[in-house]
Amino acid sequence: MDLVNPAAIIDANHSNSGKKYEQQIRIVKEVMHNRQLSSDIKTLVKGVMIESYLEPGCQKIGEHIYGKSITDPCLGWDESEKLIYDIAELNQ
């Protein structure tokens, strides 16, 4: 397509995880690993997108659990924080 600065951000949730929010961790680590193996992938992939909230999973409307998604299931804060540190370590 003759793009001057081609780039991609990988969505680790939704179809890529089969809506199994815990799989986002594996997917992100695989993307980071592939960036280490391929200079083309490293140049192209600029970031990842995860679904994250305070509490892991999701709730049904009316459950009133503070900090828990009412839409897509999400990683909780603790898992998200650890994943961010893992990404930083893998990106060195």
PDB file of N, CA and C in Angstrom:
ATOM      1  N   MET A   1       0.813  -1.195   0.000  1.00  0.00           N
ATOM      2  CA  MET A   1       0.000   0.000   0.000  1.00  0.00           C
ATOM      3  C   MET A   1       0.857   1.260   0.000  1.00  0.00           C
ATOM      4  N   ASP A   2       2.163   1.093  -0.001  1.00  0.00           N
ATOM      5  CA  ASP A   2       3.078   2.226  -0.038  1.00  0.00           C
ATOM      6  C   ASP A   2       2.869   3.212   1.107  1.00  0.00           C
ATOM      7  N   LEU A   3       2.595   2.703   2.283  1.00  0.00           N
ATOM      8  CA  LEU A   3       2.455   3.568   3.447  1.00  0.00           C
ATOM      9  C   LEU A   3       3.830   4.051   3.885  1.00  0.00           C
ATOM     10  N   VAL A   4       3.912   5.287   4.281  1.00  0.00           N
ATOM     11  CA  VAL A   4       5.180   5.855   4.713  1.00  0.00           C
ATOM     12  C   VAL A   4       5.594   5.279   6.064  1.00  0.00           C
ATOM     13  N   ASN A   5       4.661   5.182   6.990  1.00  0.00           N
ATOM     14  CA  ASN A   5       4.933   4.681   8.340  1.00  0.00           C
ATOM     15  C   ASN A   5       3.906   3.616   8.727  1.00  0.00           C
ATOM     16  N   PRO A   6       3.999   2.416   8.150  1.00  0.00           N
ATOM     17  CA  PRO A   6       3.016   1.383   8.494  1.00  0.00           C
ATOM     18  C   PRO A   6       3.148   1.000   9.965  1.00  0.00           C
ATOM     19  N   ALA A   7       2.005   0.752  10.590  1.00  0.00           N
ATOM     20  CA  ALA A   7       2.000   0.389  12.007  1.00  0.00           C
ATOM     21  C   ALA A   7       0.752  -0.414  12.321  1.00  0.00           C
ATOM     22  N   ALA A   8       0.875  -1.234  13.367  1.00  0.00           N
ATOM     23  CA  ALA A   8      -0.271  -2.016  13.828  1.00  0.00           C
ATOM     24  C   ALA A   8      -0.278  -2.024  15.344  1.00  0.00           C
ATOM     25  N   ILE A   9      -1.484  -2.006  15.900  1.00  0.00           N
ATOM     26  CA  ILE A   9      -1.683  -2.221  17.323  1.00  0.00           C
ATOM     27  C   ILE A   9      -2.528  -3.477  17.429  1.00  0.00           C
ATOM     28  N   ILE A  10      -2.067  -4.432  18.216  1.00  0.00           N
ATOM     29  CA  ILE A  10      -2.726  -5.727  18.329  1.00  0.00           C
ATOM     30  C   ILE A  10      -3.751  -5.684  19.447  1.00  0.00           C
ATOM     31  N   ASP A  11      -4.995  -6.023  19.131  1.00  0.00           N
ATOM     32  CA  ASP A  11      -6.067  -6.125  20.120  1.00  0.00           C
ATOM     33  C   ASP A  11      -5.982  -7.513  20.742  1.00  0.00           C
ATOM     34  N   ALA A  12      -5.571  -7.593  21.997  1.00  0.00           N
ATOM     35  CA  ALA A  12      -5.373  -8.885  22.656  1.00  0.00           C
ATOM     36  C   ALA A  12      -6.674  -9.494  23.166  1.00  0.00           C
ATOM     37  N   ASN A  13      -7.763  -8.758  23.121  1.00  0.00           N
ATOM     38  CA  ASN A  13      -9.031  -9.288  23.619  1.00  0.00           C
ATOM     39  C   ASN A  13      -9.963  -9.582  22.440  1.00  0.00           C
ATOM     40  N   HIS A  14     -11.221  -9.599  22.661  1.00  0.00           N
ATOM     41  CA  HIS A  14     -12.260  -9.848  21.672  1.00  0.00           C
ATOM     42  C   HIS A  14     -12.009 -11.156  20.922  1.00  0.00           C
ATOM     43  N   SER A  15     -11.981 -11.151  19.618  1.00  0.00           N
ATOM     44  CA  SER A  15     -11.840 -12.395  18.846  1.00  0.00           C
ATOM     45  C   SER A  15     -10.497 -13.074  19.061  1.00  0.00           C
ATOM     46  N   ASN A  16      -9.441 -12.292  19.274  1.00  0.00           N
ATOM     47  CA  ASN A  16      -8.117 -12.896  19.456  1.00  0.00           C
ATOM     48  C   ASN A  16      -8.039 -13.762  20.703  1.00  0.00           C
ATOM     49  N   SER A  17      -8.799 -13.407  21.734  1.00  0.00           N
ATOM     50  CA  SER A  17      -8.782 -14.187  22.976  1.00  0.00           C
ATOM     51  C   SER A  17     -10.007 -15.091  23.102  1.00  0.00           C
ATOM     52  N   GLY A  18     -10.872 -15.052  22.111  1.00  0.00           N
ATOM     53  CA  GLY A  18     -12.118 -15.813  22.219  1.00  0.00           C
ATOM     54  C   GLY A  18     -12.966 -15.320  23.381  1.00  0.00           C
ATOM     55  N   LYS A  19     -12.814 -14.030  23.720  1.00  0.00           N
ATOM     56  CA  LYS A  19     -13.504 -13.393  24.847  1.00  0.00           C
ATOM     57  C   LYS A  19     -13.161 -14.048  26.186  1.00  0.00           C
ATOM     58  N   LYS A  20     -12.014 -14.729  26.230  1.00  0.00           N
ATOM     59  CA  LYS A  20     -11.496 -15.281  27.488  1.00  0.00           C
ATOM     60  C   LYS A  20     -10.410 -14.326  27.953  1.00  0.00           C
ATOM     61  N   TYR A  21     -10.795 -13.397  28.804  1.00  0.00           N
ATOM     62  CA  TYR A  21      -9.924 -12.271  29.141  1.00  0.00           C
ATOM     63  C   TYR A  21      -8.556 -12.690  29.666  1.00  0.00           C
ATOM     64  N   GLU A  22      -8.460 -13.847  30.328  1.00  0.00           N
ATOM     65  CA  GLU A  22      -7.173 -14.290  30.862  1.00  0.00           C
ATOM     66  C   GLU A  22      -6.168 -14.573  29.735  1.00  0.00           C
ATOM     67  N   GLN A  23      -6.670 -14.886  28.531  1.00  0.00           N
ATOM     68  CA  GLN A  23      -5.800 -15.198  27.399  1.00  0.00           C
ATOM     69  C   GLN A  23      -5.050 -13.967  26.885  1.00  0.00           C
ATOM     70  N   GLN A  24      -5.491 -12.776  27.280  1.00  0.00           N
ATOM     71  CA  GLN A  24      -4.796 -11.559  26.850  1.00  0.00           C
ATOM     72  C   GLN A  24      -3.325 -11.585  27.260  1.00  0.00           C
ATOM     73  N   ILE A  25      -3.043 -12.138  28.426  1.00  0.00           N
ATOM     74  CA  ILE A  25      -1.666 -12.199  28.923  1.00  0.00           C
ATOM     75  C   ILE A  25      -0.815 -13.037  27.977  1.00  0.00           C
ATOM     76  N   ARG A  26      -1.306 -14.213  27.603  1.00  0.00           N
ATOM     77  CA  ARG A  26      -0.575 -15.087  26.674  1.00  0.00           C
ATOM     78  C   ARG A  26      -0.385 -14.411  25.329  1.00  0.00           C
ATOM     79  N   ILE A  27      -1.419 -13.786  24.828  1.00  0.00           N
ATOM     80  CA  ILE A  27      -1.361 -13.153  23.507  1.00  0.00           C
ATOM     81  C   ILE A  27      -0.337 -12.021  23.498  1.00  0.00           C
ATOM     82  N   VAL A  28      -0.352 -11.183  24.515  1.00  0.00           N
ATOM     83  CA  VAL A  28       0.607 -10.077  24.590  1.00  0.00           C
ATOM     84  C   VAL A  28       2.032 -10.617  24.654  1.00  0.00           C
ATOM     85  N   LYS A  29       2.252 -11.642  25.459  1.00  0.00           N
ATOM     86  CA  LYS A  29       3.602 -12.207  25.567  1.00  0.00           C
ATOM     87  C   LYS A  29       4.048 -12.838  24.251  1.00  0.00           C
ATOM     88  N   GLU A  30       3.125 -13.454  23.508  1.00  0.00           N
ATOM     89  CA  GLU A  30       3.474 -14.006  22.194  1.00  0.00           C
ATOM     90  C   GLU A  30       3.824 -12.898  21.211  1.00  0.00           C
ATOM     91  N   VAL A  31       3.067 -11.811  21.239  1.00  0.00           N
ATOM     92  CA  VAL A  31       3.370 -10.675  20.356  1.00  0.00           C
ATOM     93  C   VAL A  31       4.753 -10.124  20.688  1.00  0.00           C
ATOM     94  N   MET A  32       5.034  -9.948  21.969  1.00  0.00           N
ATOM     95  CA  MET A  32       6.343  -9.428  22.371  1.00  0.00           C
ATOM     96  C   MET A  32       7.466 -10.384  21.968  1.00  0.00           C
ATOM     97  N   HIS A  33       7.234 -11.668  22.109  1.00  0.00           N
ATOM     98  CA  HIS A  33       8.227 -12.671  21.700  1.00  0.00           C
ATOM     99  C   HIS A  33       8.469 -12.593  20.187  1.00  0.00           C
ATOM    100  N   ASN A  34       7.400 -12.493  19.418  1.00  0.00           N
ATOM    101  CA  ASN A  34       7.530 -12.406  17.960  1.00  0.00           C
ATOM    102  C   ASN A  34       8.244 -11.135  17.534  1.00  0.00           C
ATOM    103  N   ARG A  35       8.080 -10.053  18.287  1.00  0.00           N
ATOM    104  CA  ARG A  35       8.814  -8.816  17.983  1.00  0.00           C
ATOM    105  C   ARG A  35      10.313  -9.018  18.164  1.00  0.00           C
ATOM    106  N   GLN A  36      10.682  -9.883  19.109  1.00  0.00           N
ATOM    107  CA  GLN A  36      12.104 -10.161  19.327  1.00  0.00           C
ATOM    108  C   GLN A  36      12.689 -11.021  18.208  1.00  0.00           C
ATOM    109  N   LEU A  37      11.859 -11.862  17.611  1.00  0.00           N
ATOM    110  CA  LEU A  37      12.322 -12.783  16.574  1.00  0.00           C
ATOM    111  C   LEU A  37      12.367 -12.179  15.179  1.00  0.00           C
ATOM    112  N   SER A  38      11.545 -11.173  14.941  1.00  0.00           N
ATOM    113  CA  SER A  38      11.417 -10.634  13.583  1.00  0.00           C
ATOM    114  C   SER A  38      11.549  -9.118  13.591  1.00  0.00           C
ATOM    115  N   SER A  39      12.521  -8.613  12.861  1.00  0.00           N
ATOM    116  CA  SER A  39      12.678  -7.158  12.771  1.00  0.00           C
ATOM    117  C   SER A  39      11.486  -6.524  12.048  1.00  0.00           C
ATOM    118  N   ASP A  40      10.880  -7.258  11.099  1.00  0.00           N
ATOM    119  CA  ASP A  40       9.695  -6.731  10.410  1.00  0.00           C
ATOM    120  C   ASP A  40       8.538  -6.545  11.383  1.00  0.00           C
ATOM    121  N   ILE A  41       8.323  -7.557  12.232  1.00  0.00           N
ATOM    122  CA  ILE A  41       7.239  -7.456  13.212  1.00  0.00           C
ATOM    123  C   ILE A  41       7.560  -6.364  14.221  1.00  0.00           C
ATOM    124  N   LYS A  42       8.811  -6.288  14.648  1.00  0.00           N
ATOM    125  CA  LYS A  42       9.203  -5.261  15.621  1.00  0.00           C
ATOM    126  C   LYS A  42       8.953  -3.863  15.066  1.00  0.00           C
ATOM    127  N   THR A  43       9.229  -3.670  13.798  1.00  0.00           N
ATOM    128  CA  THR A  43       9.011  -2.370  13.170  1.00  0.00           C
ATOM    129  C   THR A  43       7.528  -2.067  13.001  1.00  0.00           C
ATOM    130  N   LEU A  44       6.751  -3.074  12.656  1.00  0.00           N
ATOM    131  CA  LEU A  44       5.334  -2.879  12.364  1.00  0.00           C
ATOM    132  C   LEU A  44       4.475  -2.746  13.614  1.00  0.00           C
ATOM    133  N   VAL A  45       4.665  -3.630  14.594  1.00  0.00           N
ATOM    134  CA  VAL A  45       3.798  -3.653  15.775  1.00  0.00           C
ATOM    135  C   VAL A  45       4.271  -2.591  16.764  1.00  0.00           C
ATOM    136  N   LYS A  46       3.434  -1.585  16.953  1.00  0.00           N
ATOM    137  CA  LYS A  46       3.772  -0.453  17.826  1.00  0.00           C
ATOM    138  C   LYS A  46       3.167  -0.571  19.211  1.00  0.00           C
ATOM    139  N   GLY A  47       2.201  -1.464  19.394  1.00  0.00           N
ATOM    140  CA  GLY A  47       1.579  -1.580  20.709  1.00  0.00           C
ATOM    141  C   GLY A  47       0.551  -2.684  20.749  1.00  0.00           C
ATOM    142  N   VAL A  48       0.020  -2.878  21.948  1.00  0.00           N
ATOM    143  CA  VAL A  48      -1.046  -3.852  22.169  1.00  0.00           C
ATOM    144  C   VAL A  48      -2.179  -3.160  22.924  1.00  0.00           C
ATOM    145  N   MET A  49      -3.364  -3.683  22.753  1.00  0.00           N
ATOM    146  CA  MET A  49      -4.527  -3.162  23.464  1.00  0.00           C
ATOM    147  C   MET A  49      -5.086  -4.282  24.318  1.00  0.00           C
ATOM    148  N   ILE A  50      -5.283  -4.000  25.601  1.00  0.00           N
ATOM    149  CA  ILE A  50      -5.901  -4.973  26.491  1.00  0.00           C
ATOM    150  C   ILE A  50      -7.160  -4.365  27.094  1.00  0.00           C
ATOM    151  N   GLU A  51      -8.056  -5.222  27.534  1.00  0.00           N
ATOM    152  CA  GLU A  51      -9.241  -4.793  28.274  1.00  0.00           C
ATOM    153  C   GLU A  51      -8.898  -4.941  29.742  1.00  0.00           C
ATOM    154  N   SER A  52      -8.952  -3.844  30.472  1.00  0.00           N
ATOM    155  CA  SER A  52      -8.521  -3.835  31.857  1.00  0.00           C
ATOM    156  C   SER A  52      -9.462  -2.981  32.691  1.00  0.00           C
ATOM    157  N   TYR A  53      -9.670  -3.409  33.927  1.00  0.00           N
ATOM    158  CA  TYR A  53     -10.493  -2.647  34.869  1.00  0.00           C
ATOM    159  C   TYR A  53      -9.981  -2.952  36.264  1.00  0.00           C
ATOM    160  N   LEU A  54     -10.629  -2.486  37.269  1.00  0.00           N
ATOM    161  CA  LEU A  54     -10.138  -2.691  38.630  1.00  0.00           C
ATOM    162  C   LEU A  54     -10.250  -4.157  39.073  1.00  0.00           C
ATOM    163  N   GLU A  55     -11.392  -4.752  38.820  1.00  0.00           N
ATOM    164  CA  GLU A  55     -11.646  -6.142  39.212  1.00  0.00           C
ATOM    165  C   GLU A  55     -11.684  -7.016  37.957  1.00  0.00           C
ATOM    166  N   PRO A  56     -11.184  -8.252  38.033  1.00  0.00           N
ATOM    167  CA  PRO A  56     -11.179  -9.122  36.855  1.00  0.00           C
ATOM    168  C   PRO A  56     -12.579  -9.633  36.492  1.00  0.00           C
ATOM    169  N   GLY A  57     -12.736  -9.959  35.203  1.00  0.00           N
ATOM    170  CA  GLY A  57     -13.991 -10.537  34.716  1.00  0.00           C
ATOM    171  C   GLY A  57     -15.002  -9.469  34.362  1.00  0.00           C
ATOM    172  N   CYS A  58     -16.273  -9.850  34.442  1.00  0.00           N
ATOM    173  CA  CYS A  58     -17.360  -8.902  34.210  1.00  0.00           C
ATOM    174  C   CYS A  58     -18.536  -9.303  35.084  1.00  0.00           C
ATOM    175  N   GLN A  59     -19.469  -8.406  35.187  1.00  0.00           N
ATOM    176  CA  GLN A  59     -20.648  -8.663  36.013  1.00  0.00           C
ATOM    177  C   GLN A  59     -21.909  -8.436  35.207  1.00  0.00           C
ATOM    178  N   LYS A  60     -22.967  -9.009  35.698  1.00  0.00           N
ATOM    179  CA  LYS A  60     -24.271  -8.774  35.090  1.00  0.00           C
ATOM    180  C   LYS A  60     -24.819  -7.458  35.617  1.00  0.00           C
ATOM    181  N   ILE A  61     -25.614  -6.817  34.808  1.00  0.00           N
ATOM    182  CA  ILE A  61     -26.251  -5.570  35.234  1.00  0.00           C
ATOM    183  C   ILE A  61     -27.069  -5.863  36.493  1.00  0.00           C
ATOM    184  N   GLY A  62     -26.897  -5.017  37.464  1.00  0.00           N
ATOM    185  CA  GLY A  62     -27.622  -5.185  38.722  1.00  0.00           C
ATOM    186  C   GLY A  62     -26.799  -5.811  39.831  1.00  0.00           C
ATOM    187  N   GLU A  63     -25.616  -6.328  39.520  1.00  0.00           N
ATOM    188  CA  GLU A  63     -24.791  -6.926  40.567  1.00  0.00           C
ATOM    189  C   GLU A  63     -24.098  -5.868  41.424  1.00  0.00           C
ATOM    190  N   HIS A  64     -23.864  -4.695  40.875  1.00  0.00           N
ATOM    191  CA  HIS A  64     -23.310  -3.554  41.612  1.00  0.00           C
ATOM    192  C   HIS A  64     -21.977  -3.860  42.288  1.00  0.00           C
ATOM    193  N   ILE A  65     -21.038  -4.461  41.538  1.00  0.00           N
ATOM    194  CA  ILE A  65     -19.692  -4.711  42.055  1.00  0.00           C
ATOM    195  C   ILE A  65     -18.810  -3.575  41.566  1.00  0.00           C
ATOM    196  N   TYR A  66     -18.364  -2.760  42.513  1.00  0.00           N
ATOM    197  CA  TYR A  66     -17.542  -1.601  42.162  1.00  0.00           C
ATOM    198  C   TYR A  66     -16.257  -2.050  41.468  1.00  0.00           C
ATOM    199  N   GLY A  67     -15.948  -1.402  40.334  1.00  0.00           N
ATOM    200  CA  GLY A  67     -14.696  -1.648  39.638  1.00  0.00           C
ATOM    201  C   GLY A  67     -14.698  -2.879  38.755  1.00  0.00           C
ATOM    202  N   LYS A  68     -15.868  -3.447  38.488  1.00  0.00           N
ATOM    203  CA  LYS A  68     -15.964  -4.629  37.635  1.00  0.00           C
ATOM    204  C   LYS A  68     -16.795  -4.277  36.407  1.00  0.00           C
ATOM    205  N   SER A  69     -16.300  -4.627  35.239  1.00  0.00           N
ATOM    206  CA  SER A  69     -16.937  -4.280  33.969  1.00  0.00           C
ATOM    207  C   SER A  69     -18.353  -4.843  33.864  1.00  0.00           C
ATOM    208  N   ILE A  70     -19.212  -4.069  33.216  1.00  0.00           N
ATOM    209  CA  ILE A  70     -20.553  -4.575  32.900  1.00  0.00           C
ATOM    210  C   ILE A  70     -20.669  -4.911  31.412  1.00  0.00           C
ATOM    211  N   THR A  71     -19.554  -4.793  30.689  1.00  0.00           N
ATOM    212  CA  THR A  71     -19.563  -5.137  29.267  1.00  0.00           C
ATOM    213  C   THR A  71     -18.632  -6.328  29.050  1.00  0.00           C
ATOM    214  N   ASP A  72     -17.498  -6.105  28.391  1.00  0.00           N
ATOM    215  CA  ASP A  72     -16.555  -7.196  28.117  1.00  0.00           C
ATOM    216  C   ASP A  72     -15.797  -7.596  29.379  1.00  0.00           C
ATOM    217  N   PRO A  73     -15.481  -8.889  29.531  1.00  0.00           N
ATOM    218  CA  PRO A  73     -14.639  -9.288  30.657  1.00  0.00           C
ATOM    219  C   PRO A  73     -13.241  -8.688  30.511  1.00  0.00           C
ATOM    220  N   CYS A  74     -12.678  -8.277  31.636  1.00  0.00           N
ATOM    221  CA  CYS A  74     -11.412  -7.556  31.646  1.00  0.00           C
ATOM    222  C   CYS A  74     -10.415  -8.202  32.601  1.00  0.00           C
ATOM    223  N   LEU A  75      -9.132  -7.921  32.343  1.00  0.00           N
ATOM    224  CA  LEU A  75      -8.121  -8.228  33.340  1.00  0.00           C
ATOM    225  C   LEU A  75      -8.336  -7.288  34.522  1.00  0.00           C
ATOM    226  N   GLY A  76      -8.044  -7.760  35.719  1.00  0.00           N
ATOM    227  CA  GLY A  76      -8.105  -6.897  36.881  1.00  0.00           C
ATOM    228  C   GLY A  76      -6.850  -6.050  36.985  1.00  0.00           C
ATOM    229  N   TRP A  77      -6.856  -5.106  37.924  1.00  0.00           N
ATOM    230  CA  TRP A  77      -5.736  -4.192  38.080  1.00  0.00           C
ATOM    231  C   TRP A  77      -4.434  -4.938  38.349  1.00  0.00           C
ATOM    232  N   ASP A  78      -4.442  -5.927  39.250  1.00  0.00           N
ATOM    233  CA  ASP A  78      -3.212  -6.640  39.600  1.00  0.00           C
ATOM    234  C   ASP A  78      -2.603  -7.330  38.381  1.00  0.00           C
ATOM    235  N   GLU A  79      -3.440  -8.013  37.594  1.00  0.00           N
ATOM    236  CA  GLU A  79      -2.944  -8.695  36.388  1.00  0.00           C
ATOM    237  C   GLU A  79      -2.455  -7.692  35.354  1.00  0.00           C
ATOM    238  N   SER A  80      -3.159  -6.583  35.224  1.00  0.00           N
ATOM    239  CA  SER A  80      -2.765  -5.547  34.258  1.00  0.00           C
ATOM    240  C   SER A  80      -1.427  -4.923  34.641  1.00  0.00           C
ATOM    241  N   GLU A  81      -1.264  -4.619  35.911  1.00  0.00           N
ATOM    242  CA  GLU A  81      -0.008  -4.032  36.376  1.00  0.00           C
ATOM    243  C   GLU A  81       1.167  -4.977  36.118  1.00  0.00           C
ATOM    244  N   LYS A  82       0.984  -6.252  36.440  1.00  0.00           N
ATOM    245  CA  LYS A  82       2.046  -7.234  36.215  1.00  0.00           C
ATOM    246  C   LYS A  82       2.375  -7.339  34.726  1.00  0.00           C
ATOM    247  N   LEU A  83       1.327  -7.357  33.881  1.00  0.00           N
ATOM    248  CA  LEU A  83       1.537  -7.457  32.442  1.00  0.00           C
ATOM    249  C   LEU A  83       2.307  -6.246  31.906  1.00  0.00           C
ATOM    250  N   ILE A  84       2.009  -5.061  32.407  1.00  0.00           N
ATOM    251  CA  ILE A  84       2.728  -3.864  31.968  1.00  0.00           C
ATOM    252  C   ILE A  84       4.209  -3.980  32.317  1.00  0.00           C
ATOM    253  N   TYR A  85       4.509  -4.452  33.515  1.00  0.00           N
ATOM    254  CA  TYR A  85       5.915  -4.640  33.898  1.00  0.00           C
ATOM    255  C   TYR A  85       6.574  -5.730  33.051  1.00  0.00           C
ATOM    256  N   ASP A  86       5.827  -6.807  32.741  1.00  0.00           N
ATOM    257  CA  ASP A  86       6.368  -7.865  31.874  1.00  0.00           C
ATOM    258  C   ASP A  86       6.676  -7.332  30.479  1.00  0.00           C
ATOM    259  N   ILE A  87       5.788  -6.501  29.943  1.00  0.00           N
ATOM    260  CA  ILE A  87       5.998  -5.893  28.622  1.00  0.00           C
ATOM    261  C   ILE A  87       7.272  -5.046  28.648  1.00  0.00           C
ATOM    262  N   ALA A  88       7.421  -4.238  29.676  1.00  0.00           N
ATOM    263  CA  ALA A  88       8.610  -3.384  29.780  1.00  0.00           C
ATOM    264  C   ALA A  88       9.878  -4.229  29.833  1.00  0.00           C
ATOM    265  N   GLU A  89       9.833  -5.326  30.569  1.00  0.00           N
ATOM    266  CA  GLU A  89      11.000  -6.198  30.671  1.00  0.00           C
ATOM    267  C   GLU A  89      11.310  -6.886  29.351  1.00  0.00           C
ATOM    268  N   LEU A  90      10.268  -7.326  28.653  1.00  0.00           N
ATOM    269  CA  LEU A  90      10.467  -8.009  27.365  1.00  0.00           C
ATOM    270  C   LEU A  90      10.903  -7.042  26.274  1.00  0.00           C
ATOM    271  N   ASN A  91      10.661  -5.766  26.458  1.00  0.00           N
ATOM    272  CA  ASN A  91      10.957  -4.767  25.430  1.00  0.00           C
ATOM    273  C   ASN A  91      12.352  -4.172  25.578  1.00  0.00           C
ATOM    274  N   GLN A  92      13.128  -4.637  26.529  1.00  0.00           N
ATOM    275  CA  GLN A  92      14.477  -4.085  26.725  1.00  0.00           C
ATOM    276  C   GLN A  92      15.456  -4.664  25.765  1.00  0.00           C
TER     277      GLN A  92
END
